[in-house]
Amino acid sequence: MKKLITLGFCLIVAFFTSCKSEPDSAAIKKEVLNIHDKLMVDGEKVMKNKMKLDSVLKSGKIKSAEDSIKITGLIRRLNKADENMMDWMHFFKDDFNGKNEQEAIDYYKSEMVKVRAVEDAYIEVSRASDSVLEFYNVSSSGEMKMEHHKH
């Protein structure tokens, strides 16, 4: 009898541990949506940095054509990062009725890769724009505090 109870216990433990080794589609979907929620906040910063860089361009404080080209390119990259986020949100399908669990898992895993790429682009372009704004002494409110220093 003891062996039967032990065997039964082992089978139950094995069943539950094998079932939980892979996350289910709901867990992956939740992680994707959590990243999305964070990116919505990051997206606000991306657009604020774009507006600040526009102000720097219009300020007349830029001393070289090279800096002007650099800032213009950075504004383009900020816009592209924002467009990529909007495209991802537009094509993301939140409802998987009629699909089996594996299809849902595969879909949300592929969406995880896409949303992580958007996140990586946001991080990279935010750092680059923060650096330029710091160089031009632009405050968090967008005001230029003083003349920028020389290269």
Protein backbone atom coordinates (compact mmCIF):
# COMPACT_ATOMS: atom_id res chain seq x y z
CA MET A 1 0.00 0.00 0.00
CA LYS A 2 2.85 2.39 0.86
CA LYS A 3 4.44 1.75 -2.53
CA LEU A 4 1.16 2.49 -4.28
CA ILE A 5 0.71 5.80 -2.40
CA THR A 6 4.33 6.75 -3.10
CA LEU A 7 3.94 5.85 -6.77
CA GLY A 8 0.69 7.86 -6.96
CA PHE A 9 2.34 10.86 -5.29
CA CYS A 10 5.29 10.68 -7.71
CA LEU A 11 2.95 10.51 -10.70
CA ILE A 12 1.00 13.57 -9.47
CA VAL A 13 4.23 15.53 -8.89
CA ALA A 14 5.57 14.49 -12.30
CA PHE A 15 2.30 15.52 -13.96
CA PHE A 16 2.24 18.99 -12.41
CA THR A 17 5.92 19.71 -12.96
CA SER A 18 5.78 18.60 -16.59
CA CYS A 19 2.70 20.75 -17.20
CA LYS A 20 4.33 23.86 -15.82
CA SER A 21 7.70 23.60 -17.59
CA GLU A 22 6.49 25.74 -20.51
CA PRO A 23 4.59 28.99 -19.94
CA ASP A 24 1.08 28.99 -21.34
CA SER A 25 -0.15 31.46 -23.93
CA ALA A 26 -1.82 33.65 -21.28
CA ALA A 27 1.48 34.08 -19.42
CA ILE A 28 3.38 34.97 -22.59
CA LYS A 29 0.61 37.34 -23.68
CA LYS A 30 0.71 39.02 -20.26
CA GLU A 31 4.47 39.56 -20.56
CA VAL A 32 4.05 41.02 -24.07
CA LEU A 33 1.36 43.39 -22.79
CA ASN A 34 3.53 44.41 -19.81
CA ILE A 35 6.31 45.39 -22.23
CA HIS A 36 3.73 47.28 -24.31
CA ASP A 37 2.58 49.21 -21.22
CA LYS A 38 6.18 50.20 -20.42
CA LEU A 39 6.73 51.25 -24.04
CA MET A 40 3.70 53.54 -23.92
CA VAL A 41 5.49 55.54 -21.20
CA ASP A 42 8.81 55.35 -23.08
CA GLY A 43 7.01 56.53 -26.22
CA GLU A 44 6.05 59.75 -24.48
CA LYS A 45 9.72 60.40 -23.75
CA VAL A 46 10.67 59.62 -27.35
CA MET A 47 8.19 62.21 -28.63
CA LYS A 48 9.23 64.79 -26.01
CA ASN A 49 12.88 64.35 -27.03
CA LYS A 50 11.86 64.80 -30.67
CA MET A 51 10.15 68.10 -29.85
CA LYS A 52 13.16 69.26 -27.82
CA LEU A 53 15.51 68.44 -30.70
CA ASP A 54 13.22 70.32 -33.09
CA SER A 55 13.56 73.32 -30.75
CA VAL A 56 17.35 72.97 -30.73
CA LEU A 57 17.36 73.00 -34.56
CA LYS A 58 15.19 76.13 -34.67
CA SER A 59 17.11 77.90 -31.90
CA GLY A 60 20.01 79.03 -34.06
CA LYS A 61 22.46 77.64 -31.45
CA ILE A 62 23.84 74.94 -33.74
CA LYS A 63 27.32 75.88 -34.86
CA SER A 64 27.98 73.34 -37.61
CA ALA A 65 26.23 71.70 -40.53
CA GLU A 66 27.47 68.37 -39.16
CA ASP A 67 25.56 68.91 -35.88
CA SER A 68 22.47 69.96 -37.81
CA ILE A 69 22.63 66.80 -39.93
CA LYS A 70 23.19 64.67 -36.82
CA ILE A 71 20.16 66.17 -35.05
CA THR A 72 17.97 65.87 -38.16
CA GLY A 73 18.93 62.19 -38.45
CA LEU A 74 18.19 61.65 -34.78
CA ILE A 75 14.74 63.21 -35.18
CA ARG A 76 14.10 60.83 -38.09
CA ARG A 77 15.15 57.88 -35.91
CA LEU A 78 12.86 59.04 -33.09
CA ASN A 79 9.97 59.27 -35.55
CA LYS A 80 10.79 55.81 -36.95
CA ALA A 81 10.89 54.26 -33.46
CA ASP A 82 7.46 55.76 -32.75
CA GLU A 83 6.09 54.55 -36.11
CA ASN A 84 7.39 51.03 -35.42
CA MET A 85 5.55 51.01 -32.09
CA MET A 86 2.32 52.20 -33.75
CA ASP A 87 2.69 49.55 -36.47
CA TRP A 88 3.25 46.81 -33.89
CA MET A 89 0.18 47.90 -31.91
CA HIS A 90 -1.92 48.07 -35.10
CA PHE A 91 -1.08 44.52 -36.16
CA PHE A 92 -1.06 42.90 -32.69
CA LYS A 93 -3.99 40.50 -32.27
CA ASP A 94 -5.19 40.21 -28.71
CA ASP A 95 -7.88 37.60 -29.32
CA PHE A 96 -7.08 34.02 -30.21
CA ASN A 97 -10.52 32.36 -30.09
CA GLY A 98 -10.64 29.25 -32.21
CA LYS A 99 -6.88 28.70 -32.12
CA ASN A 100 -5.23 25.91 -30.19
CA GLU A 101 -2.87 26.56 -27.31
CA GLN A 102 0.30 25.86 -29.32
CA GLU A 103 -0.75 28.29 -32.07
CA ALA A 104 -1.38 30.95 -29.42
CA ILE A 105 1.97 30.26 -27.74
CA ASP A 106 3.78 30.49 -31.08
CA TYR A 107 2.00 33.74 -31.96
CA TYR A 108 2.72 35.43 -28.63
CA LYS A 109 6.35 34.29 -28.72
CA SER A 110 6.75 35.85 -32.17
CA GLU A 111 5.09 39.03 -30.87
CA MET A 112 7.52 39.01 -27.94
CA VAL A 113 10.42 39.13 -30.40
CA LYS A 114 8.80 42.04 -32.27
CA VAL A 115 7.94 44.08 -29.18
CA ARG A 116 11.45 43.53 -27.76
CA ALA A 117 12.88 44.93 -31.01
CA VAL A 118 10.69 48.02 -30.57
CA GLU A 119 11.89 48.27 -26.97
CA ASP A 120 15.55 48.01 -28.02
CA ALA A 121 15.07 50.77 -30.60
CA TYR A 122 13.40 53.01 -28.00
CA ILE A 123 16.26 52.49 -25.58
CA GLU A 124 18.95 53.18 -28.18
CA VAL A 125 17.34 56.30 -29.67
CA SER A 126 16.42 57.66 -26.22
CA ARG A 127 20.02 57.39 -25.06
CA ALA A 128 21.32 59.03 -28.23
CA SER A 129 18.83 61.89 -28.03
CA ASP A 130 19.42 62.36 -24.29
CA SER A 131 23.12 62.73 -25.03
CA VAL A 132 22.56 65.42 -27.67
CA LEU A 133 20.08 67.26 -25.45
CA GLU A 134 22.57 67.17 -22.60
CA PHE A 135 25.25 68.53 -24.92
CA TYR A 136 23.00 71.47 -25.77
CA ASN A 137 22.05 71.89 -22.08
CA VAL A 138 18.36 71.33 -22.73
CA SER A 139 16.49 70.86 -19.45
CA SER A 140 13.80 68.28 -18.85
CA SER A 141 11.24 71.01 -19.54
CA GLY A 142 12.86 71.61 -22.93
CA GLU A 143 14.48 74.97 -22.19
CA MET A 144 18.06 75.67 -23.18
CA LYS A 145 19.86 76.69 -20.01
CA MET A 146 22.90 78.29 -21.61
CA GLU A 147 25.21 78.19 -24.60
CA HIS A 148 26.44 74.70 -25.44
CA HIS A 149 30.09 73.97 -24.94
CA LYS A 150 32.57 73.43 -27.75
CA HIS A 151 33.32 70.01 -29.24
